[in-house]
Amino acid sequence: MEIILKKDVQNVGFKDDIVSVKAGYGRNFLIPQGHAHLATPSAKKVLAENLKQKAHKEAKVVNDAKALAENLKAIEIKISAKAGGEKLFGSITNIDIAEALEKAGQSIDRKFITSGIVKRTGKYTASIRLHREVVLELPYEIVADK
C-alpha cells in the first residue's frame, strides 16, 4: 500500500514522502491517526506541485539546520551522574542529553536525539537529527558525580 506521509513518522519516513507500508498498518493506524493519506495519482500530482513550490523555503531551512549543527559542534557536553566506580546508579538517556544542551543554551527536542541507554562513565556519541538532510554526531562525556 502506497501512502503519502503528512507528518514525520519514526522508522517509516518524513513528511511528504511517498512510502510503501503494509496495508493493515496504513489502513488501521497511519490514515486514521492523521499521519498519512492514500497515494492516488491525483494526490501524487498535488504533492509534486507543492514540493516544487516549497523547494526555495526548504533551502533556507536546511541552511539554518547546518548553522545550528556548527554551533552544536562547538559545545562540549559533560554529564555528571552518581556512580559506583565506572557503573552508574541509573542510566543516561536522550532526556539527560537534551537537558545538558538546554543548560549550554541550545534547545533541541529530545525526540530528535538518539543515543541509546548508557550505564557506564566514559565518552559516547549521540546522533541529533536537525533536519531530514542534516544529522549531527555529537560527542559527550559522562563523569562520576563527586
N, C-alpha and C. Protein backbone atom coordinates (compact mmCIF):
# COMPACT_ATOMS: atom_id res chain seq x y z
N MET A 1 0.84 -1.17 0.00
CA MET A 1 0.00 0.00 0.00
C MET A 1 0.89 1.24 0.00
N GLU A 2 0.68 2.12 -0.95
CA GLU A 2 1.44 3.36 -1.02
C GLU A 2 0.66 4.48 -0.35
N ILE A 3 1.36 5.23 0.50
CA ILE A 3 0.75 6.35 1.20
C ILE A 3 1.67 7.56 1.12
N ILE A 4 1.09 8.72 1.35
CA ILE A 4 1.86 9.97 1.44
C ILE A 4 1.80 10.42 2.89
N LEU A 5 2.96 10.60 3.50
CA LEU A 5 3.01 10.97 4.91
C LEU A 5 2.70 12.45 5.09
N LYS A 6 1.86 12.75 6.08
CA LYS A 6 1.54 14.13 6.42
C LYS A 6 2.45 14.65 7.52
N LYS A 7 3.06 13.73 8.28
CA LYS A 7 3.95 14.08 9.38
C LYS A 7 5.16 13.15 9.33
N ASP A 8 6.21 13.51 10.06
CA ASP A 8 7.36 12.62 10.21
C ASP A 8 6.92 11.44 11.08
N VAL A 9 7.17 10.23 10.61
CA VAL A 9 6.85 9.02 11.36
C VAL A 9 8.15 8.24 11.51
N GLN A 10 8.55 8.02 12.77
CA GLN A 10 9.81 7.35 13.03
C GLN A 10 9.81 5.95 12.43
N ASN A 11 10.90 5.57 11.81
CA ASN A 11 11.13 4.28 11.17
C ASN A 11 10.25 4.06 9.94
N VAL A 12 9.54 5.09 9.47
CA VAL A 12 8.74 4.97 8.25
C VAL A 12 9.22 5.98 7.22
N GLY A 13 9.25 7.27 7.60
CA GLY A 13 9.68 8.29 6.66
C GLY A 13 9.39 9.69 7.19
N PHE A 14 9.64 10.66 6.32
CA PHE A 14 9.46 12.05 6.68
C PHE A 14 8.21 12.61 6.01
N LYS A 15 7.81 13.80 6.44
CA LYS A 15 6.65 14.46 5.88
C LYS A 15 6.80 14.59 4.36
N ASP A 16 5.73 14.36 3.63
CA ASP A 16 5.65 14.46 2.17
C ASP A 16 6.41 13.36 1.43
N ASP A 17 6.82 12.31 2.11
CA ASP A 17 7.43 11.16 1.44
C ASP A 17 6.33 10.22 0.98
N ILE A 18 6.56 9.59 -0.16
CA ILE A 18 5.67 8.53 -0.61
C ILE A 18 6.33 7.22 -0.22
N VAL A 19 5.69 6.49 0.69
CA VAL A 19 6.28 5.25 1.20
C VAL A 19 5.30 4.10 1.00
N SER A 20 5.86 2.92 1.00
CA SER A 20 5.07 1.71 0.89
C SER A 20 5.07 1.02 2.24
N VAL A 21 3.89 0.78 2.79
CA VAL A 21 3.76 0.10 4.08
C VAL A 21 2.77 -1.05 3.93
N LYS A 22 2.75 -1.89 4.94
CA LYS A 22 1.78 -2.98 4.92
C LYS A 22 0.38 -2.39 5.01
N ALA A 23 -0.57 -3.04 4.35
CA ALA A 23 -1.92 -2.50 4.24
C ALA A 23 -2.57 -2.28 5.61
N GLY A 24 -2.40 -3.19 6.53
CA GLY A 24 -3.02 -3.06 7.84
C GLY A 24 -2.47 -1.88 8.61
N TYR A 25 -1.15 -1.68 8.56
CA TYR A 25 -0.53 -0.57 9.26
C TYR A 25 -1.02 0.76 8.70
N GLY A 26 -1.11 0.86 7.39
CA GLY A 26 -1.58 2.10 6.77
C GLY A 26 -3.04 2.35 7.03
N ARG A 27 -3.88 1.33 6.81
CA ARG A 27 -5.32 1.48 6.91
C ARG A 27 -5.80 1.61 8.35
N ASN A 28 -5.14 0.89 9.27
CA ASN A 28 -5.63 0.85 10.65
C ASN A 28 -4.95 1.84 11.60
N PHE A 29 -3.77 2.33 11.23
CA PHE A 29 -3.08 3.25 12.14
C PHE A 29 -2.75 4.58 11.49
N LEU A 30 -1.94 4.56 10.42
CA LEU A 30 -1.44 5.82 9.86
C LEU A 30 -2.55 6.73 9.34
N ILE A 31 -3.48 6.20 8.57
CA ILE A 31 -4.54 7.04 8.00
C ILE A 31 -5.52 7.52 9.07
N PRO A 32 -6.04 6.65 9.96
CA PRO A 32 -6.97 7.15 10.99
C PRO A 32 -6.34 8.14 11.97
N GLN A 33 -5.04 8.00 12.26
CA GLN A 33 -4.38 8.91 13.18
C GLN A 33 -4.02 10.25 12.52
N GLY A 34 -4.21 10.35 11.21
CA GLY A 34 -3.91 11.59 10.51
C GLY A 34 -2.44 11.74 10.15
N HIS A 35 -1.70 10.64 10.17
CA HIS A 35 -0.27 10.70 9.82
C HIS A 35 -0.05 10.57 8.32
N ALA A 36 -1.06 10.08 7.58
CA ALA A 36 -0.86 9.83 6.16
C ALA A 36 -2.20 9.84 5.43
N HIS A 37 -2.12 9.85 4.08
CA HIS A 37 -3.29 9.63 3.25
C HIS A 37 -2.87 8.81 2.03
N LEU A 38 -3.84 8.23 1.34
CA LEU A 38 -3.55 7.35 0.22
C LEU A 38 -2.82 8.08 -0.90
N ALA A 39 -1.91 7.38 -1.57
CA ALA A 39 -1.13 7.96 -2.66
C ALA A 39 -1.82 7.66 -3.98
N THR A 40 -2.91 8.35 -4.25
CA THR A 40 -3.61 8.21 -5.52
C THR A 40 -2.85 9.01 -6.58
N PRO A 41 -3.09 8.75 -7.86
CA PRO A 41 -2.39 9.55 -8.89
C PRO A 41 -2.62 11.05 -8.76
N SER A 42 -3.84 11.47 -8.43
CA SER A 42 -4.10 12.90 -8.29
C SER A 42 -3.39 13.47 -7.06
N ALA A 43 -3.33 12.68 -5.96
CA ALA A 43 -2.63 13.14 -4.75
C ALA A 43 -1.14 13.28 -5.03
N LYS A 44 -0.59 12.39 -5.86
CA LYS A 44 0.84 12.47 -6.21
C LYS A 44 1.13 13.73 -7.02
N LYS A 45 0.22 14.11 -7.92
CA LYS A 45 0.40 15.33 -8.71
C LYS A 45 0.36 16.57 -7.82
N VAL A 46 -0.58 16.58 -6.89
CA VAL A 46 -0.69 17.71 -5.96
C VAL A 46 0.57 17.81 -5.11
N LEU A 47 1.06 16.66 -4.65
CA LEU A 47 2.28 16.64 -3.84
C LEU A 47 3.47 17.17 -4.62
N ALA A 48 3.60 16.75 -5.89
CA ALA A 48 4.71 17.21 -6.72
C ALA A 48 4.67 18.73 -6.88
N GLU A 49 3.49 19.28 -7.08
CA GLU A 49 3.38 20.74 -7.23
C GLU A 49 3.71 21.45 -5.93
N ASN A 50 3.24 20.92 -4.81
CA ASN A 50 3.54 21.53 -3.51
C ASN A 50 5.03 21.48 -3.21
N LEU A 51 5.69 20.36 -3.52
CA LEU A 51 7.13 20.23 -3.27
C LEU A 51 7.92 21.21 -4.13
N LYS A 52 7.45 21.42 -5.36
CA LYS A 52 8.13 22.36 -6.25
C LYS A 52 8.06 23.77 -5.67
N GLN A 53 6.93 24.12 -5.08
CA GLN A 53 6.76 25.46 -4.50
C GLN A 53 7.53 25.62 -3.19
N LYS A 54 7.70 24.51 -2.46
CA LYS A 54 8.40 24.57 -1.18
C LYS A 54 9.91 24.51 -1.30
N ALA A 55 10.44 24.23 -2.48
CA ALA A 55 11.88 24.00 -2.65
C ALA A 55 12.71 25.19 -2.17
N HIS A 56 12.30 26.39 -2.46
CA HIS A 56 13.06 27.58 -2.06
C HIS A 56 13.07 27.73 -0.54
N LYS A 57 11.90 27.57 0.09
CA LYS A 57 11.81 27.69 1.54
C LYS A 57 12.63 26.59 2.22
N GLU A 58 12.61 25.41 1.62
CA GLU A 58 13.33 24.26 2.18
C GLU A 58 14.84 24.52 2.22
N ALA A 59 15.37 25.20 1.20
CA ALA A 59 16.80 25.51 1.17
C ALA A 59 17.19 26.38 2.35
N LYS A 60 16.35 27.33 2.72
CA LYS A 60 16.63 28.18 3.88
C LYS A 60 16.61 27.37 5.17
N VAL A 61 15.65 26.47 5.30
CA VAL A 61 15.55 25.64 6.50
C VAL A 61 16.78 24.74 6.64
N VAL A 62 17.26 24.19 5.53
CA VAL A 62 18.45 23.34 5.56
C VAL A 62 19.67 24.16 5.97
N ASN A 63 19.80 25.36 5.45
CA ASN A 63 20.92 26.22 5.82
C ASN A 63 20.88 26.58 7.31
N ASP A 64 19.69 26.83 7.84
CA ASP A 64 19.55 27.11 9.27
C ASP A 64 19.95 25.90 10.10
N ALA A 65 19.56 24.71 9.65
CA ALA A 65 19.91 23.49 10.38
C ALA A 65 21.41 23.25 10.35
N LYS A 66 22.05 23.54 9.23
CA LYS A 66 23.51 23.39 9.14
C LYS A 66 24.22 24.39 10.05
N ALA A 67 23.70 25.60 10.14
CA ALA A 67 24.29 26.60 11.04
C ALA A 67 24.14 26.16 12.50
N LEU A 68 22.99 25.60 12.85
CA LEU A 68 22.77 25.09 14.20
C LEU A 68 23.72 23.93 14.49
N ALA A 69 23.96 23.09 13.50
CA ALA A 69 24.89 21.97 13.67
C ALA A 69 26.29 22.47 13.95
N GLU A 70 26.70 23.53 13.29
CA GLU A 70 28.03 24.11 13.54
C GLU A 70 28.11 24.67 14.96
N ASN A 71 27.04 25.30 15.42
CA ASN A 71 27.02 25.81 16.80
C ASN A 71 27.09 24.67 17.81
N LEU A 72 26.38 23.58 17.53
CA LEU A 72 26.38 22.45 18.46
C LEU A 72 27.73 21.75 18.51
N LYS A 73 28.48 21.75 17.41
CA LYS A 73 29.80 21.11 17.39
C LYS A 73 30.76 21.79 18.37
N ALA A 74 30.55 23.08 18.60
CA ALA A 74 31.44 23.83 19.48
C ALA A 74 31.15 23.56 20.96
N ILE A 75 30.00 22.99 21.25
CA ILE A 75 29.61 22.74 22.64
C ILE A 75 30.23 21.44 23.14
N GLU A 76 30.81 21.51 24.34
CA GLU A 76 31.35 20.32 24.98
C GLU A 76 30.40 19.91 26.09
N ILE A 77 29.86 18.71 25.99
CA ILE A 77 28.86 18.26 26.96
C ILE A 77 29.48 17.27 27.93
N LYS A 78 29.35 17.60 29.21
CA LYS A 78 29.74 16.69 30.29
C LYS A 78 28.54 16.52 31.19
N ILE A 79 28.15 15.28 31.37
CA ILE A 79 27.01 14.97 32.22
C ILE A 79 27.53 14.25 33.45
N SER A 80 27.22 14.79 34.62
CA SER A 80 27.66 14.14 35.84
C SER A 80 26.50 13.33 36.41
N ALA A 81 26.84 12.13 36.88
CA ALA A 81 25.82 11.25 37.44
C ALA A 81 26.43 10.46 38.58
N LYS A 82 25.59 10.03 39.49
CA LYS A 82 26.07 9.24 40.60
C LYS A 82 26.54 7.88 40.08
N ALA A 83 27.74 7.49 40.56
CA ALA A 83 28.31 6.24 40.07
C ALA A 83 29.08 5.56 41.18
N GLY A 84 29.16 4.25 41.07
CA GLY A 84 30.00 3.45 41.95
C GLY A 84 31.11 2.88 41.08
N GLY A 85 32.26 3.53 41.10
CA GLY A 85 33.33 3.13 40.17
C GLY A 85 32.98 3.64 38.79
N GLU A 86 32.92 2.73 37.82
CA GLU A 86 32.55 3.12 36.46
C GLU A 86 31.06 2.94 36.20
N LYS A 87 30.38 2.15 37.00
CA LYS A 87 28.97 1.85 36.77
C LYS A 87 28.08 2.92 37.39
N LEU A 88 27.11 3.40 36.61
CA LEU A 88 26.20 4.43 37.07
C LEU A 88 25.07 3.84 37.90
N PHE A 89 24.58 4.63 38.85
CA PHE A 89 23.37 4.28 39.57
C PHE A 89 22.22 4.86 38.75
N GLY A 90 21.64 4.08 37.90
CA GLY A 90 20.64 4.57 36.96
C GLY A 90 21.23 4.56 35.57
N SER A 91 20.75 5.43 34.70
CA SER A 91 21.25 5.48 33.33
C SER A 91 21.11 6.88 32.77
N ILE A 92 21.80 7.11 31.66
CA ILE A 92 21.74 8.39 30.94
C ILE A 92 20.99 8.13 29.64
N THR A 93 19.96 8.94 29.38
CA THR A 93 19.16 8.78 28.17
C THR A 93 19.17 10.08 27.36
N ASN A 94 18.39 10.07 26.28
CA ASN A 94 18.32 11.27 25.45
C ASN A 94 17.72 12.47 26.19
N ILE A 95 16.93 12.21 27.22
CA ILE A 95 16.37 13.31 28.02
C ILE A 95 17.48 14.06 28.74
N ASP A 96 18.45 13.31 29.30
CA ASP A 96 19.57 13.94 30.00
C ASP A 96 20.44 14.74 29.04
N ILE A 97 20.62 14.23 27.83
CA ILE A 97 21.41 14.96 26.83
C ILE A 97 20.70 16.24 26.42
N ALA A 98 19.37 16.18 26.26
CA ALA A 98 18.60 17.37 25.91
C ALA A 98 18.69 18.42 27.02
N GLU A 99 18.66 17.98 28.28
CA GLU A 99 18.79 18.91 29.40
C GLU A 99 20.17 19.54 29.44
N ALA A 100 21.21 18.75 29.14
CA ALA A 100 22.58 19.29 29.11
C ALA A 100 22.72 20.32 27.99
N LEU A 101 22.10 20.07 26.84
CA LEU A 101 22.14 21.03 25.75
C LEU A 101 21.37 22.30 26.13
N GLU A 102 20.28 22.14 26.86
CA GLU A 102 19.49 23.30 27.32
C GLU A 102 20.33 24.18 28.24
N LYS A 103 21.11 23.55 29.14
CA LYS A 103 21.99 24.32 30.03
C LYS A 103 23.07 25.05 29.24
N ALA A 104 23.48 24.46 28.11
CA ALA A 104 24.51 25.08 27.28
C ALA A 104 23.92 26.16 26.37
N GLY A 105 22.60 26.33 26.39
CA GLY A 105 22.00 27.41 25.61
C GLY A 105 21.39 26.98 24.29
N GLN A 106 21.30 25.69 24.00
CA GLN A 106 20.72 25.21 22.75
C GLN A 106 19.52 24.33 23.07
N SER A 107 18.38 24.68 22.54
CA SER A 107 17.16 23.93 22.81
C SER A 107 16.91 22.94 21.67
N ILE A 108 17.07 21.66 21.96
CA ILE A 108 16.83 20.59 21.00
C ILE A 108 15.78 19.66 21.60
N ASP A 109 14.76 19.34 20.83
CA ASP A 109 13.72 18.43 21.31
C ASP A 109 14.30 17.03 21.49
N ARG A 110 13.97 16.39 22.58
CA ARG A 110 14.55 15.09 22.90
C ARG A 110 14.16 14.01 21.90
N LYS A 111 13.07 14.20 21.15
CA LYS A 111 12.65 13.22 20.15
C LYS A 111 13.66 13.11 19.01
N PHE A 112 14.45 14.15 18.80
CA PHE A 112 15.39 14.15 17.70
C PHE A 112 16.78 13.69 18.11
N ILE A 113 16.95 13.28 19.36
CA ILE A 113 18.23 12.81 19.87
C ILE A 113 18.18 11.30 20.02
N THR A 114 19.19 10.62 19.47
CA THR A 114 19.28 9.17 19.59
C THR A 114 20.63 8.82 20.19
N SER A 115 20.62 8.19 21.36
CA SER A 115 21.89 7.84 21.98
C SER A 115 21.91 6.45 22.56
N GLY A 116 20.76 5.87 22.79
CA GLY A 116 20.72 4.60 23.49
C GLY A 116 20.80 4.86 24.99
N ILE A 117 20.75 3.81 25.75
CA ILE A 117 20.81 3.93 27.21
C ILE A 117 22.24 3.63 27.66
N VAL A 118 22.82 4.56 28.38
CA VAL A 118 24.21 4.45 28.81
C VAL A 118 24.23 4.19 30.32
N LYS A 119 25.00 3.18 30.73
CA LYS A 119 25.03 2.82 32.15
C LYS A 119 26.44 2.83 32.73
N ARG A 120 27.41 3.39 31.98
CA ARG A 120 28.79 3.47 32.47
C ARG A 120 29.37 4.84 32.16
N THR A 121 30.36 5.24 32.95
CA THR A 121 31.03 6.51 32.67
C THR A 121 31.90 6.34 31.43
N GLY A 122 32.23 7.45 30.79
CA GLY A 122 33.08 7.40 29.62
C GLY A 122 32.62 8.37 28.55
N LYS A 123 33.18 8.21 27.35
CA LYS A 123 32.84 9.08 26.23
C LYS A 123 31.94 8.32 25.26
N TYR A 124 30.89 9.01 24.81
CA TYR A 124 29.91 8.42 23.92
C TYR A 124 29.54 9.42 22.83
N THR A 125 28.73 8.96 21.87
CA THR A 125 28.29 9.81 20.79
C THR A 125 26.77 9.72 20.66
N ALA A 126 26.13 10.87 20.52
CA ALA A 126 24.69 10.94 20.31
C ALA A 126 24.43 11.44 18.90
N SER A 127 23.40 10.91 18.28
CA SER A 127 23.01 11.34 16.94
C SER A 127 21.83 12.30 17.08
N ILE A 128 21.98 13.50 16.51
CA ILE A 128 20.93 14.52 16.60
C ILE A 128 20.45 14.82 15.18
N ARG A 129 19.15 14.61 14.95
CA ARG A 129 18.56 14.87 13.63
C ARG A 129 17.95 16.26 13.66
N LEU A 130 18.61 17.20 12.99
CA LEU A 130 18.14 18.58 12.94
C LEU A 130 17.20 18.82 11.76
N HIS A 131 17.37 18.00 10.73
CA HIS A 131 16.56 18.08 9.52
C HIS A 131 16.73 16.74 8.82
N ARG A 132 15.87 16.44 7.87
CA ARG A 132 16.00 15.15 7.19
C ARG A 132 17.34 15.01 6.48
N GLU A 133 17.97 16.12 6.12
CA GLU A 133 19.26 16.09 5.43
C GLU A 133 20.43 16.41 6.35
N VAL A 134 20.18 16.86 7.56
CA VAL A 134 21.23 17.27 8.48
C VAL A 134 21.16 16.44 9.76
N VAL A 135 22.13 15.54 9.90
CA VAL A 135 22.24 14.72 11.11
C VAL A 135 23.62 14.95 11.69
N LEU A 136 23.68 15.25 12.98
CA LEU A 136 24.93 15.59 13.65
C LEU A 136 25.29 14.49 14.64
N GLU A 137 26.54 14.06 14.61
CA GLU A 137 27.06 13.13 15.61
C GLU A 137 27.75 13.98 16.67
N LEU A 138 27.17 14.04 17.86
CA LEU A 138 27.66 14.91 18.92
C LEU A 138 28.32 14.08 20.03
N PRO A 139 29.60 14.30 20.29
CA PRO A 139 30.25 13.56 21.37
C PRO A 139 29.89 14.16 22.74
N TYR A 140 29.77 13.31 23.73
CA TYR A 140 29.52 13.76 25.10
C TYR A 140 30.23 12.83 26.05
N GLU A 141 30.43 13.32 27.26
CA GLU A 141 31.16 12.54 28.26
C GLU A 141 30.33 12.43 29.52
N ILE A 142 30.37 11.25 30.11
CA ILE A 142 29.69 11.02 31.37
C ILE A 142 30.75 10.86 32.44
N VAL A 143 30.66 11.67 33.49
CA VAL A 143 31.62 11.64 34.57
C VAL A 143 30.90 11.30 35.86
N ALA A 144 31.66 10.71 36.80
CA ALA A 144 31.09 10.34 38.10
C ALA A 144 30.88 11.59 38.94
N ASP A 145 29.75 11.66 39.61
CA ASP A 145 29.42 12.76 40.50
C ASP A 145 30.31 12.68 41.72
N LYS A 146 30.78 13.82 42.19
CA LYS A 146 31.69 13.81 43.33
C LYS A 146 31.03 14.28 44.57
